[in-house]
Amino acid sequence: MSAAVPTILDVAARAGVSKSVVSRVLTGAPGVASATRERVQAAATELGYVANAMAQGMVARRTHTLGAFVRDAATPFYGHLLTALQERASAVGYRVVTATGSGTFPVSEERRALETLVSLRVEGLVVCSGALPVEDVLPLAARVPTVVAGRPERSPALSSVYCDEHGGGRALAEHVHALGHRRVVVLTLEPTTSLTLSPRSHAMAARLRELGVHVTQLRAEDHRDARLDGVGEVVESALAERATCLMTASDRYAVAALEALRARGLSAPEDLSVTGYDGIGDLAGPLLGLTSWRQPLDVVGALAVEEVTAAIDARAADAEVVTRHRAVDGSLLVGRTAGRP
């Protein structure tokens, strides 16, 4: 038979104080002698007592809990963004309840995950998905302060924090042009596939054309529904067109292109320069030497938490909630996979 879960009364008995004193110590309330506070904390530790955060929130009508939905925490982009959210939330006294998909969830499942988070009485919601339309987020944003993080969003009903996809795509294209490439293939995605990868890929192609580069846009959707295993066909097309550079919309696509080159006995940049986008984690390390555009996800995550907690505080004070859309600049990551043609 398992041991009974210790209660606040057990802690009070062990410490030799009243239940109210234990409550004040565990909630950080002032007015308790340091020696008594230490005795209560020691008793709680010895008994393995964990305060029921939800019950405390119901009493105070505050849960100090944020709900975070990330499309696929297994990917470097969403994994790093989630970590940044959690670290900043903890620093300002909030817990984070997370729901995540597998990257293949239909929009209906993502919407259901958001509804589940709201049902847990979170005080604010941070949505990190490149697929979920804003129309599916707005009904929840009317109930709970909501911020969209990691993608451009302009709805006046909620705030957003994101990396400047347009500026990043153009800057990376300028780097490719400066290297001397004049025939470039851009692996392009449409908004129906990704609300983040699409604008950056179109920005790359547009800027290259402005600079006089011959550009071929190959839609990833034309190659096995934009799955990574279809990138080999994109590489074949780039080689057939005698392109000297293939620009992709993410580091994962770039790695898939490098693997496709290797399978053909070729390499980058000797046979075809390859660029990625995101510049996160191991994919941005010196081992691969990937030329990419680095997104400061630590900044995006921290700002998203600041925006949602500011909205929470405003609602609690019956003040006007100010929505903002904040674009964060990235930086060029110069690697070995893109060189002079």
C-alpha atoms as a PDB file:
ATOM      1  CA  MET A   1       0.000   0.000   0.000  1.00  0.00           C
ATOM      2  CA  SER A   2       1.375   3.419  -0.952  1.00  0.00           C
ATOM      3  CA  ALA A   3       2.021   6.034   1.691  1.00  0.00           C
ATOM      4  CA  ALA A   4      -0.518   8.822   2.095  1.00  0.00           C
ATOM      5  CA  VAL A   5       0.305  12.091   0.368  1.00  0.00           C
ATOM      6  CA  PRO A   6       1.440  14.608   3.043  1.00  0.00           C
ATOM      7  CA  THR A   7      -0.814  17.589   3.618  1.00  0.00           C
ATOM      8  CA  ILE A   8      -0.295  21.096   4.946  1.00  0.00           C
ATOM      9  CA  LEU A   9      -1.584  19.831   8.327  1.00  0.00           C
ATOM     10  CA  ASP A  10       1.223  17.255   8.405  1.00  0.00           C
ATOM     11  CA  VAL A  11       3.777  19.988   7.770  1.00  0.00           C
ATOM     12  CA  ALA A  12       2.252  22.125  10.546  1.00  0.00           C
ATOM     13  CA  ALA A  13       2.411  19.206  13.001  1.00  0.00           C
ATOM     14  CA  ARG A  14       6.017  18.392  12.090  1.00  0.00           C
ATOM     15  CA  ALA A  15       7.116  22.032  12.437  1.00  0.00           C
ATOM     16  CA  GLY A  16       5.031  22.677  15.563  1.00  0.00           C
ATOM     17  CA  VAL A  17       3.189  25.641  14.096  1.00  0.00           C
ATOM     18  CA  SER A  18      -0.322  26.426  12.872  1.00  0.00           C
ATOM     19  CA  LYS A  19      -1.669  25.718   9.400  1.00  0.00           C
ATOM     20  CA  SER A  20      -1.851  29.451   8.686  1.00  0.00           C
ATOM     21  CA  VAL A  21       1.845  29.899   9.464  1.00  0.00           C
ATOM     22  CA  VAL A  22       2.731  27.075   7.052  1.00  0.00           C
ATOM     23  CA  SER A  23       0.576  28.694   4.383  1.00  0.00           C
ATOM     24  CA  ARG A  24       2.280  32.059   4.854  1.00  0.00           C
ATOM     25  CA  VAL A  25       5.738  30.498   4.646  1.00  0.00           C
ATOM     26  CA  LEU A  26       4.975  28.454   1.517  1.00  0.00           C
ATOM     27  CA  THR A  27       3.385  31.400  -0.272  1.00  0.00           C
ATOM     28  CA  GLY A  28       6.253  33.729   0.619  1.00  0.00           C
ATOM     29  CA  ALA A  29       4.112  36.046   2.727  1.00  0.00           C
ATOM     30  CA  PRO A  30       5.974  38.408   5.103  1.00  0.00           C
ATOM     31  CA  GLY A  31       5.737  38.505   8.892  1.00  0.00           C
ATOM     32  CA  VAL A  32       7.194  35.084   9.780  1.00  0.00           C
ATOM     33  CA  ALA A  33      10.373  34.844  11.851  1.00  0.00           C
ATOM     34  CA  SER A  34      13.339  33.478   9.934  1.00  0.00           C
ATOM     35  CA  ALA A  35      13.826  30.591  12.389  1.00  0.00           C
ATOM     36  CA  THR A  36      10.168  29.576  12.034  1.00  0.00           C
ATOM     37  CA  ARG A  37      10.357  29.907   8.265  1.00  0.00           C
ATOM     38  CA  GLU A  38      13.381  27.617   8.167  1.00  0.00           C
ATOM     39  CA  ARG A  39      11.651  25.070  10.416  1.00  0.00           C
ATOM     40  CA  VAL A  40       8.579  24.970   8.189  1.00  0.00           C
ATOM     41  CA  GLN A  41      10.627  24.662   5.014  1.00  0.00           C
ATOM     42  CA  ALA A  42      12.665  21.827   6.558  1.00  0.00           C
ATOM     43  CA  ALA A  43       9.488  20.022   7.586  1.00  0.00           C
ATOM     44  CA  ALA A  44       8.014  20.356   4.099  1.00  0.00           C
ATOM     45  CA  THR A  45      11.198  18.979   2.555  1.00  0.00           C
ATOM     46  CA  GLU A  46      11.386  16.052   4.983  1.00  0.00           C
ATOM     47  CA  LEU A  47       7.762  15.092   4.317  1.00  0.00           C
ATOM     48  CA  GLY A  48       8.013  15.607   0.564  1.00  0.00           C
ATOM     49  CA  TYR A  49       5.140  18.075   0.684  1.00  0.00           C
ATOM     50  CA  VAL A  50       4.319  19.845  -2.576  1.00  0.00           C
ATOM     51  CA  ALA A  51       1.807  22.692  -2.418  1.00  0.00           C
ATOM     52  CA  ASN A  52      -1.229  22.332  -4.634  1.00  0.00           C
ATOM     53  CA  ALA A  53      -0.566  25.227  -6.971  1.00  0.00           C
ATOM     54  CA  MET A  54      -3.984  25.038  -8.606  1.00  0.00           C
ATOM     55  CA  ALA A  55      -5.769  25.167  -5.255  1.00  0.00           C
ATOM     56  CA  GLN A  56      -3.688  28.172  -4.211  1.00  0.00           C
ATOM     57  CA  GLY A  57      -4.562  29.861  -7.483  1.00  0.00           C
ATOM     58  CA  MET A  58      -8.279  29.275  -6.989  1.00  0.00           C
ATOM     59  CA  VAL A  59      -8.145  30.936  -3.582  1.00  0.00           C
ATOM     60  CA  ALA A  60      -6.199  33.913  -4.889  1.00  0.00           C
ATOM     61  CA  ARG A  61      -7.970  33.860  -8.297  1.00  0.00           C
ATOM     62  CA  ARG A  62      -4.491  33.690  -9.784  1.00  0.00           C
ATOM     63  CA  THR A  63      -2.618  30.625 -10.991  1.00  0.00           C
ATOM     64  CA  HIS A  64       0.589  32.323 -12.207  1.00  0.00           C
ATOM     65  CA  THR A  65       0.573  29.743 -14.970  1.00  0.00           C
ATOM     66  CA  LEU A  66       1.133  30.282 -18.677  1.00  0.00           C
ATOM     67  CA  GLY A  67       0.023  27.868 -21.360  1.00  0.00           C
ATOM     68  CA  ALA A  68       2.471  27.334 -24.221  1.00  0.00           C
ATOM     69  CA  PHE A  69       1.626  25.477 -27.399  1.00  0.00           C
ATOM     70  CA  VAL A  70       4.528  24.556 -29.686  1.00  0.00           C
ATOM     71  CA  ARG A  71       3.975  22.814 -32.984  1.00  0.00           C
ATOM     72  CA  ASP A  72       6.837  20.315 -32.632  1.00  0.00           C
ATOM     73  CA  ALA A  73       9.183  20.489 -29.628  1.00  0.00           C
ATOM     74  CA  ALA A  74      11.414  17.839 -31.238  1.00  0.00           C
ATOM     75  CA  THR A  75      12.658  20.336 -33.836  1.00  0.00           C
ATOM     76  CA  PRO A  76      15.500  22.722 -32.945  1.00  0.00           C
ATOM     77  CA  PHE A  77      13.417  25.844 -33.651  1.00  0.00           C
ATOM     78  CA  TYR A  78      10.475  24.997 -31.421  1.00  0.00           C
ATOM     79  CA  GLY A  79      12.596  23.232 -28.806  1.00  0.00           C
ATOM     80  CA  HIS A  80      14.818  26.266 -28.293  1.00  0.00           C
ATOM     81  CA  LEU A  81      11.871  28.650 -28.338  1.00  0.00           C
ATOM     82  CA  LEU A  82      10.089  26.601 -25.666  1.00  0.00           C
ATOM     83  CA  THR A  83      13.211  26.596 -23.477  1.00  0.00           C
ATOM     84  CA  ALA A  84      13.470  30.381 -23.778  1.00  0.00           C
ATOM     85  CA  LEU A  85       9.814  30.757 -22.801  1.00  0.00           C
ATOM     86  CA  GLN A  86      10.208  28.535 -19.757  1.00  0.00           C
ATOM     87  CA  GLU A  87      13.363  30.252 -18.537  1.00  0.00           C
ATOM     88  CA  ARG A  88      11.898  33.738 -18.776  1.00  0.00           C
ATOM     89  CA  ALA A  89       8.571  32.687 -17.250  1.00  0.00           C
ATOM     90  CA  SER A  90      10.354  31.136 -14.279  1.00  0.00           C
ATOM     91  CA  ALA A  91      12.394  34.295 -13.796  1.00  0.00           C
ATOM     92  CA  VAL A  92       9.223  36.393 -13.442  1.00  0.00           C
ATOM     93  CA  GLY A  93       7.372  33.945 -11.205  1.00  0.00           C
ATOM     94  CA  TYR A  94       5.252  31.977 -13.651  1.00  0.00           C
ATOM     95  CA  ARG A  95       4.982  28.264 -14.363  1.00  0.00           C
ATOM     96  CA  VAL A  96       4.512  26.966 -17.911  1.00  0.00           C
ATOM     97  CA  VAL A  97       2.099  24.228 -18.915  1.00  0.00           C
ATOM     98  CA  THR A  98       3.035  22.902 -22.341  1.00  0.00           C
ATOM     99  CA  ALA A  99       1.176  21.187 -25.127  1.00  0.00           C
ATOM    100  CA  THR A 100       3.063  20.116 -28.231  1.00  0.00           C
ATOM    101  CA  GLY A 101       2.315  18.385 -31.485  1.00  0.00           C
ATOM    102  CA  SER A 102       4.496  16.146 -33.594  1.00  0.00           C
ATOM    103  CA  GLY A 103       4.796  18.537 -36.516  1.00  0.00           C
ATOM    104  CA  THR A 104       2.198  16.514 -38.403  1.00  0.00           C
ATOM    105  CA  PHE A 105      -0.849  17.435 -36.322  1.00  0.00           C
ATOM    106  CA  PRO A 106      -3.772  18.759 -38.372  1.00  0.00           C
ATOM    107  CA  VAL A 107      -4.930  22.257 -37.520  1.00  0.00           C
ATOM    108  CA  SER A 108      -7.977  20.828 -35.750  1.00  0.00           C
ATOM    109  CA  GLU A 109      -5.722  18.999 -33.273  1.00  0.00           C
ATOM    110  CA  GLU A 110      -3.650  22.127 -32.633  1.00  0.00           C
ATOM    111  CA  ARG A 111      -6.835  24.081 -31.945  1.00  0.00           C
ATOM    112  CA  ARG A 112      -8.003  21.382 -29.520  1.00  0.00           C
ATOM    113  CA  ALA A 113      -4.646  21.506 -27.711  1.00  0.00           C
ATOM    114  CA  LEU A 114      -5.059  25.263 -27.193  1.00  0.00           C
ATOM    115  CA  GLU A 115      -8.558  24.766 -25.810  1.00  0.00           C
ATOM    116  CA  THR A 116      -7.189  22.187 -23.382  1.00  0.00           C
ATOM    117  CA  LEU A 117      -4.577  24.641 -22.126  1.00  0.00           C
ATOM    118  CA  VAL A 118      -7.205  27.310 -21.535  1.00  0.00           C
ATOM    119  CA  SER A 119      -9.364  24.802 -19.648  1.00  0.00           C
ATOM    120  CA  LEU A 120      -6.478  24.383 -17.178  1.00  0.00           C
ATOM    121  CA  ARG A 121      -7.041  27.984 -16.056  1.00  0.00           C
ATOM    122  CA  VAL A 122      -3.823  29.368 -17.464  1.00  0.00           C
ATOM    123  CA  GLU A 123      -3.606  33.130 -17.099  1.00  0.00           C
ATOM    124  CA  GLY A 124      -1.961  33.662 -20.447  1.00  0.00           C
ATOM    125  CA  LEU A 125      -1.323  31.791 -23.669  1.00  0.00           C
ATOM    126  CA  VAL A 126       1.750  31.714 -25.930  1.00  0.00           C
ATOM    127  CA  VAL A 127       1.157  30.146 -29.334  1.00  0.00           C
ATOM    128  CA  CYS A 128       4.167  28.893 -31.297  1.00  0.00           C
ATOM    129  CA  SER A 129       2.981  27.363 -34.553  1.00  0.00           C
ATOM    130  CA  GLY A 130       3.766  28.138 -38.160  1.00  0.00           C
ATOM    131  CA  ALA A 131       0.647  26.340 -39.349  1.00  0.00           C
ATOM    132  CA  LEU A 132      -2.257  27.386 -37.118  1.00  0.00           C
ATOM    133  CA  PRO A 133      -4.210  30.259 -38.747  1.00  0.00           C
ATOM    134  CA  VAL A 134      -4.771  33.301 -36.567  1.00  0.00           C
ATOM    135  CA  GLU A 135      -8.525  32.859 -37.035  1.00  0.00           C
ATOM    136  CA  ASP A 136      -8.271  29.732 -34.888  1.00  0.00           C
ATOM    137  CA  VAL A 137      -6.414  31.631 -32.164  1.00  0.00           C
ATOM    138  CA  LEU A 138      -8.597  34.738 -31.917  1.00  0.00           C
ATOM    139  CA  PRO A 139     -11.568  33.131 -30.077  1.00  0.00           C
ATOM    140  CA  LEU A 140      -9.206  32.042 -27.294  1.00  0.00           C
ATOM    141  CA  ALA A 141      -7.403  35.397 -27.299  1.00  0.00           C
ATOM    142  CA  ALA A 142     -10.745  37.004 -26.458  1.00  0.00           C
ATOM    143  CA  ARG A 143     -10.824  34.940 -23.240  1.00  0.00           C
ATOM    144  CA  VAL A 144      -7.153  34.788 -22.235  1.00  0.00           C
ATOM    145  CA  PRO A 145      -4.257  37.210 -22.913  1.00  0.00           C
ATOM    146  CA  THR A 146      -2.467  35.657 -25.886  1.00  0.00           C
ATOM    147  CA  VAL A 147       0.805  36.203 -27.703  1.00  0.00           C
ATOM    148  CA  VAL A 148       1.899  34.539 -30.931  1.00  0.00           C
ATOM    149  CA  ALA A 149       5.636  33.853 -30.796  1.00  0.00           C
ATOM    150  CA  GLY A 150       8.027  32.930 -33.574  1.00  0.00           C
ATOM    151  CA  ARG A 151       6.014  34.030 -36.585  1.00  0.00           C
ATOM    152  CA  PRO A 152       4.825  37.326 -38.096  1.00  0.00           C
ATOM    153  CA  GLU A 153       1.290  38.172 -37.033  1.00  0.00           C
ATOM    154  CA  ARG A 154      -0.502  41.477 -37.453  1.00  0.00           C
ATOM    155  CA  SER A 155      -3.933  40.980 -35.896  1.00  0.00           C
ATOM    156  CA  PRO A 156      -4.799  43.928 -33.591  1.00  0.00           C
ATOM    157  CA  ALA A 157      -6.505  41.489 -31.206  1.00  0.00           C
ATOM    158  CA  LEU A 158      -3.276  39.966 -29.891  1.00  0.00           C
ATOM    159  CA  SER A 159       0.436  40.659 -29.620  1.00  0.00           C
ATOM    160  CA  SER A 160       3.195  38.883 -31.513  1.00  0.00           C
ATOM    161  CA  VAL A 161       6.969  38.580 -31.283  1.00  0.00           C
ATOM    162  CA  TYR A 162       8.907  37.179 -34.198  1.00  0.00           C
ATOM    163  CA  CYS A 163      12.111  37.260 -36.159  1.00  0.00           C
ATOM    164  CA  ASP A 164      12.061  39.550 -39.184  1.00  0.00           C
ATOM    165  CA  GLU A 165      11.505  36.914 -41.873  1.00  0.00           C
ATOM    166  CA  HIS A 166      11.458  39.409 -44.725  1.00  0.00           C
ATOM    167  CA  GLY A 167      14.609  41.202 -43.640  1.00  0.00           C
ATOM    168  CA  GLY A 168      16.431  37.959 -42.904  1.00  0.00           C
ATOM    169  CA  GLY A 169      15.584  36.430 -46.265  1.00  0.00           C
ATOM    170  CA  ARG A 170      16.752  39.527 -48.111  1.00  0.00           C
ATOM    171  CA  ALA A 171      19.992  39.814 -46.118  1.00  0.00           C
ATOM    172  CA  LEU A 172      20.891  36.178 -46.741  1.00  0.00           C
ATOM    173  CA  ALA A 173      20.184  36.651 -50.451  1.00  0.00           C
ATOM    174  CA  GLU A 174      22.526  39.653 -50.477  1.00  0.00           C
ATOM    175  CA  HIS A 175      25.257  37.463 -48.977  1.00  0.00           C
ATOM    176  CA  VAL A 176      24.770  34.880 -51.738  1.00  0.00           C
ATOM    177  CA  HIS A 177      24.952  37.622 -54.350  1.00  0.00           C
ATOM    178  CA  ALA A 178      28.108  39.057 -52.773  1.00  0.00           C
ATOM    179  CA  LEU A 179      29.752  35.634 -53.054  1.00  0.00           C
ATOM    180  CA  GLY A 180      29.277  35.902 -56.827  1.00  0.00           C
ATOM    181  CA  HIS A 181      26.330  33.593 -57.496  1.00  0.00           C
ATOM    182  CA  ARG A 182      24.273  34.551 -60.523  1.00  0.00           C
ATOM    183  CA  ARG A 183      22.173  31.383 -61.039  1.00  0.00           C
ATOM    184  CA  VAL A 184      20.336  30.419 -57.869  1.00  0.00           C
ATOM    185  CA  VAL A 185      17.545  27.994 -57.026  1.00  0.00           C
ATOM    186  CA  VAL A 186      15.328  28.967 -54.087  1.00  0.00           C
ATOM    187  CA  LEU A 187      13.337  26.186 -52.440  1.00  0.00           C
ATOM    188  CA  THR A 188      10.065  28.013 -51.888  1.00  0.00           C
ATOM    189  CA  LEU A 189       7.191  27.191 -49.572  1.00  0.00           C
ATOM    190  CA  GLU A 190       3.683  28.608 -49.605  1.00  0.00           C
ATOM    191  CA  PRO A 191       1.777  30.002 -46.581  1.00  0.00           C
ATOM    192  CA  THR A 192      -0.432  26.918 -46.486  1.00  0.00           C
ATOM    193  CA  THR A 193       2.687  24.908 -45.642  1.00  0.00           C
ATOM    194  CA  SER A 194       4.350  27.334 -43.223  1.00  0.00           C
ATOM    195  CA  LEU A 195       3.597  30.900 -42.161  1.00  0.00           C
ATOM    196  CA  THR A 196       7.284  31.398 -41.294  1.00  0.00           C
ATOM    197  CA  LEU A 197       9.203  29.551 -44.008  1.00  0.00           C
ATOM    198  CA  SER A 198       7.054  30.987 -46.783  1.00  0.00           C
ATOM    199  CA  PRO A 199       7.810  34.730 -46.353  1.00  0.00           C
ATOM    200  CA  ARG A 200      11.534  34.202 -45.908  1.00  0.00           C
ATOM    201  CA  SER A 201      11.820  32.027 -49.029  1.00  0.00           C
ATOM    202  CA  HIS A 202       9.860  34.513 -51.146  1.00  0.00           C
ATOM    203  CA  ALA A 203      11.965  37.375 -49.761  1.00  0.00           C
ATOM    204  CA  MET A 204      15.141  35.545 -50.820  1.00  0.00           C
ATOM    205  CA  ALA A 205      13.898  35.136 -54.385  1.00  0.00           C
ATOM    206  CA  ALA A 206      12.630  38.720 -54.644  1.00  0.00           C
ATOM    207  CA  ARG A 207      15.890  40.257 -53.422  1.00  0.00           C
ATOM    208  CA  LEU A 208      18.008  38.100 -55.732  1.00  0.00           C
ATOM    209  CA  ARG A 209      15.938  39.236 -58.709  1.00  0.00           C
ATOM    210  CA  GLU A 210      16.366  42.861 -57.657  1.00  0.00           C
ATOM    211  CA  LEU A 211      20.133  42.246 -57.754  1.00  0.00           C
ATOM    212  CA  GLY A 212      19.946  40.841 -61.294  1.00  0.00           C
ATOM    213  CA  VAL A 213      20.365  37.167 -60.379  1.00  0.00           C
ATOM    214  CA  HIS A 214      18.721  34.459 -62.481  1.00  0.00           C
ATOM    215  CA  VAL A 215      16.365  32.792 -59.995  1.00  0.00           C
ATOM    216  CA  THR A 216      14.427  29.558 -60.239  1.00  0.00           C
ATOM    217  CA  GLN A 217      11.842  28.979 -57.546  1.00  0.00           C
ATOM    218  CA  LEU A 218      11.061  25.335 -56.913  1.00  0.00           C
ATOM    219  CA  ARG A 219       8.062  24.804 -54.695  1.00  0.00           C
ATOM    220  CA  ALA A 220       8.684  22.198 -52.030  1.00  0.00           C
ATOM    221  CA  GLU A 221       5.049  21.171 -52.438  1.00  0.00           C
ATOM    222  CA  ASP A 222       5.912  19.913 -55.916  1.00  0.00           C
ATOM    223  CA  HIS A 223       8.305  17.442 -54.348  1.00  0.00           C
ATOM    224  CA  ARG A 224       6.450  14.885 -52.239  1.00  0.00           C
ATOM    225  CA  ASP A 225       4.307  17.320 -50.304  1.00  0.00           C
ATOM    226  CA  ALA A 226       7.233  19.299 -48.877  1.00  0.00           C
ATOM    227  CA  ARG A 227       8.635  16.345 -46.948  1.00  0.00           C
ATOM    228  CA  LEU A 228      12.364  16.490 -46.304  1.00  0.00           C
ATOM    229  CA  ASP A 229      12.907  13.288 -48.286  1.00  0.00           C
ATOM    230  CA  GLY A 230      11.784  15.187 -51.390  1.00  0.00           C
ATOM    231  CA  VAL A 231      14.681  17.631 -51.215  1.00  0.00           C
ATOM    232  CA  GLY A 232      16.788  15.249 -53.302  1.00  0.00           C
ATOM    233  CA  GLU A 233      14.581  16.041 -56.278  1.00  0.00           C
ATOM    234  CA  VAL A 234      15.109  19.759 -55.671  1.00  0.00           C
ATOM    235  CA  VAL A 235      18.864  19.184 -55.667  1.00  0.00           C
ATOM    236  CA  GLU A 236      18.603  17.250 -58.943  1.00  0.00           C
ATOM    237  CA  SER A 237      16.682  20.134 -60.496  1.00  0.00           C
ATOM    238  CA  ALA A 238      19.241  22.668 -59.256  1.00  0.00           C
ATOM    239  CA  LEU A 239      22.116  20.671 -60.761  1.00  0.00           C
ATOM    240  CA  ALA A 240      20.239  20.216 -64.039  1.00  0.00           C
ATOM    241  CA  GLU A 241      19.699  23.970 -64.249  1.00  0.00           C
ATOM    242  CA  ARG A 242      23.416  24.567 -63.687  1.00  0.00           C
ATOM    243  CA  ALA A 243      22.634  26.647 -60.618  1.00  0.00           C
ATOM    244  CA  THR A 244      25.613  27.438 -58.400  1.00  0.00           C
ATOM    245  CA  CYS A 245      23.623  27.869 -55.182  1.00  0.00           C
ATOM    246  CA  LEU A 246      20.542  26.355 -53.564  1.00  0.00           C
ATOM    247  CA  MET A 247      18.874  28.514 -50.921  1.00  0.00           C
ATOM    248  CA  THR A 248      16.540  26.679 -48.547  1.00  0.00           C
ATOM    249  CA  ALA A 249      14.038  27.957 -46.012  1.00  0.00           C
ATOM    250  CA  SER A 250      15.420  26.187 -42.927  1.00  0.00           C
ATOM    251  CA  ASP A 251      18.526  24.431 -41.675  1.00  0.00           C
ATOM    252  CA  ARG A 252      16.687  21.101 -41.763  1.00  0.00           C
ATOM    253  CA  TYR A 253      16.064  21.536 -45.490  1.00  0.00           C
ATOM    254  CA  ALA A 254      19.687  22.555 -45.958  1.00  0.00           C
ATOM    255  CA  VAL A 255      20.933  19.430 -44.175  1.00  0.00           C
ATOM    256  CA  ALA A 256      18.642  17.313 -46.344  1.00  0.00           C
ATOM    257  CA  ALA A 257      20.179  18.992 -49.412  1.00  0.00           C
ATOM    258  CA  LEU A 258      23.714  18.282 -48.152  1.00  0.00           C
ATOM    259  CA  GLU A 259      22.768  14.634 -47.641  1.00  0.00           C
ATOM    260  CA  ALA A 260      21.329  14.476 -51.151  1.00  0.00           C
ATOM    261  CA  LEU A 261      24.573  15.875 -52.575  1.00  0.00           C
ATOM    262  CA  ARG A 262      26.620  13.372 -50.609  1.00  0.00           C
ATOM    263  CA  ALA A 263      24.478  10.496 -51.887  1.00  0.00           C
ATOM    264  CA  ARG A 264      25.419  11.582 -55.409  1.00  0.00           C
ATOM    265  CA  GLY A 265      29.124  11.789 -54.610  1.00  0.00           C
ATOM    266  CA  LEU A 266      28.987  15.594 -54.550  1.00  0.00           C
ATOM    267  CA  SER A 267      29.569  18.206 -51.861  1.00  0.00           C
ATOM    268  CA  ALA A 268      28.960  21.820 -50.902  1.00  0.00           C
ATOM    269  CA  PRO A 269      30.211  24.316 -51.842  1.00  0.00           C
ATOM    270  CA  GLU A 270      32.399  22.598 -54.462  1.00  0.00           C
ATOM    271  CA  ASP A 271      29.502  21.321 -56.580  1.00  0.00           C
ATOM    272  CA  LEU A 272      26.620  23.403 -55.238  1.00  0.00           C
ATOM    273  CA  SER A 273      26.523  26.021 -52.500  1.00  0.00           C
ATOM    274  CA  VAL A 274      23.757  25.495 -49.949  1.00  0.00           C
ATOM    275  CA  THR A 275      22.262  27.893 -47.411  1.00  0.00           C
ATOM    276  CA  GLY A 276      19.871  27.264 -44.547  1.00  0.00           C
ATOM    277  CA  TYR A 277      17.921  29.452 -42.154  1.00  0.00           C
ATOM    278  CA  ASP A 278      17.438  29.481 -38.344  1.00  0.00           C
ATOM    279  CA  GLY A 279      21.024  29.014 -37.079  1.00  0.00           C
ATOM    280  CA  ILE A 280      19.987  27.048 -34.002  1.00  0.00           C
ATOM    281  CA  GLY A 281      21.670  24.354 -31.929  1.00  0.00           C
ATOM    282  CA  ASP A 282      23.849  21.627 -33.390  1.00  0.00           C
ATOM    283  CA  LEU A 283      22.819  22.436 -36.955  1.00  0.00           C
ATOM    284  CA  ALA A 284      24.525  25.805 -36.523  1.00  0.00           C
ATOM    285  CA  GLY A 285      27.710  24.310 -35.085  1.00  0.00           C
ATOM    286  CA  PRO A 286      31.161  24.280 -36.684  1.00  0.00           C
ATOM    287  CA  LEU A 287      30.974  20.564 -37.528  1.00  0.00           C
ATOM    288  CA  LEU A 288      28.490  21.159 -40.334  1.00  0.00           C
ATOM    289  CA  GLY A 289      29.673  24.686 -41.021  1.00  0.00           C
ATOM    290  CA  LEU A 290      26.268  25.599 -42.380  1.00  0.00           C
ATOM    291  CA  THR A 291      25.818  29.031 -43.915  1.00  0.00           C
ATOM    292  CA  SER A 292      22.573  30.284 -42.413  1.00  0.00           C
ATOM    293  CA  TRP A 293      20.623  33.153 -40.863  1.00  0.00           C
ATOM    294  CA  ARG A 294      20.590  32.996 -37.071  1.00  0.00           C
ATOM    295  CA  GLN A 295      17.324  33.720 -35.274  1.00  0.00           C
ATOM    296  CA  PRO A 296      17.714  35.013 -31.672  1.00  0.00           C
ATOM    297  CA  LEU A 297      15.047  32.748 -30.175  1.00  0.00           C
ATOM    298  CA  ASP A 298      16.153  33.527 -26.624  1.00  0.00           C
ATOM    299  CA  VAL A 299      15.156  37.134 -27.253  1.00  0.00           C
ATOM    300  CA  VAL A 300      11.893  36.143 -28.954  1.00  0.00           C
ATOM    301  CA  GLY A 301      10.935  33.848 -26.071  1.00  0.00           C
ATOM    302  CA  ALA A 302      11.760  36.428 -23.397  1.00  0.00           C
ATOM    303  CA  LEU A 303       9.840  39.191 -25.165  1.00  0.00           C
ATOM    304  CA  ALA A 304       6.836  36.915 -25.676  1.00  0.00           C
ATOM    305  CA  VAL A 305       6.654  36.249 -21.934  1.00  0.00           C
ATOM    306  CA  GLU A 306       7.004  39.965 -21.208  1.00  0.00           C
ATOM    307  CA  GLU A 307       4.141  40.766 -23.579  1.00  0.00           C
ATOM    308  CA  VAL A 308       1.755  38.138 -22.222  1.00  0.00           C
ATOM    309  CA  THR A 309       2.468  38.924 -18.552  1.00  0.00           C
ATOM    310  CA  ALA A 310       2.003  42.644 -19.227  1.00  0.00           C
ATOM    311  CA  ALA A 311      -1.402  41.834 -20.728  1.00  0.00           C
ATOM    312  CA  ILE A 312      -2.263  39.680 -17.704  1.00  0.00           C
ATOM    313  CA  ASP A 313      -1.359  42.511 -15.318  1.00  0.00           C
ATOM    314  CA  ALA A 314      -3.388  44.992 -17.346  1.00  0.00           C
ATOM    315  CA  ARG A 315      -6.494  42.804 -17.234  1.00  0.00           C
ATOM    316  CA  ALA A 316      -6.081  42.224 -13.510  1.00  0.00           C
ATOM    317  CA  ALA A 317      -6.013  45.992 -12.985  1.00  0.00           C
ATOM    318  CA  ASP A 318      -8.949  46.572 -15.355  1.00  0.00           C
ATOM    319  CA  ALA A 319      -6.613  48.616 -17.524  1.00  0.00           C
ATOM    320  CA  GLU A 320      -6.405  48.715 -21.304  1.00  0.00           C
ATOM    321  CA  VAL A 321      -4.461  45.834 -22.837  1.00  0.00           C
ATOM    322  CA  VAL A 322      -2.017  47.232 -25.381  1.00  0.00           C
ATOM    323  CA  THR A 323      -1.169  44.862 -28.228  1.00  0.00           C
ATOM    324  CA  ARG A 324       2.166  45.128 -30.008  1.00  0.00           C
ATOM    325  CA  HIS A 325       3.925  43.365 -32.866  1.00  0.00           C
ATOM    326  CA  ARG A 326       7.666  43.193 -32.327  1.00  0.00           C
ATOM    327  CA  ALA A 327      10.094  42.114 -35.037  1.00  0.00           C
ATOM    328  CA  VAL A 328      13.539  40.998 -33.864  1.00  0.00           C
ATOM    329  CA  ASP A 329      16.581  41.177 -36.140  1.00  0.00           C
ATOM    330  CA  GLY A 330      18.690  38.083 -36.779  1.00  0.00           C
ATOM    331  CA  SER A 331      22.306  37.827 -37.936  1.00  0.00           C
ATOM    332  CA  LEU A 332      24.297  36.210 -40.714  1.00  0.00           C
ATOM    333  CA  LEU A 333      26.022  32.938 -39.869  1.00  0.00           C
ATOM    334  CA  VAL A 334      28.893  32.525 -42.313  1.00  0.00           C
ATOM    335  CA  GLY A 335      29.774  28.885 -42.741  1.00  0.00           C
ATOM    336  CA  ARG A 336      31.528  26.604 -45.209  1.00  0.00           C
ATOM    337  CA  THR A 337      28.537  25.345 -47.200  1.00  0.00           C
ATOM    338  CA  ALA A 338      28.306  28.471 -49.349  1.00  0.00           C
ATOM    339  CA  GLY A 339      31.328  29.817 -51.179  1.00  0.00           C
ATOM    340  CA  ARG A 340      32.254  31.470 -54.434  1.00  0.00           C
ATOM    341  CA  PRO A 341      30.976  29.626 -57.516  1.00  0.00           C
END
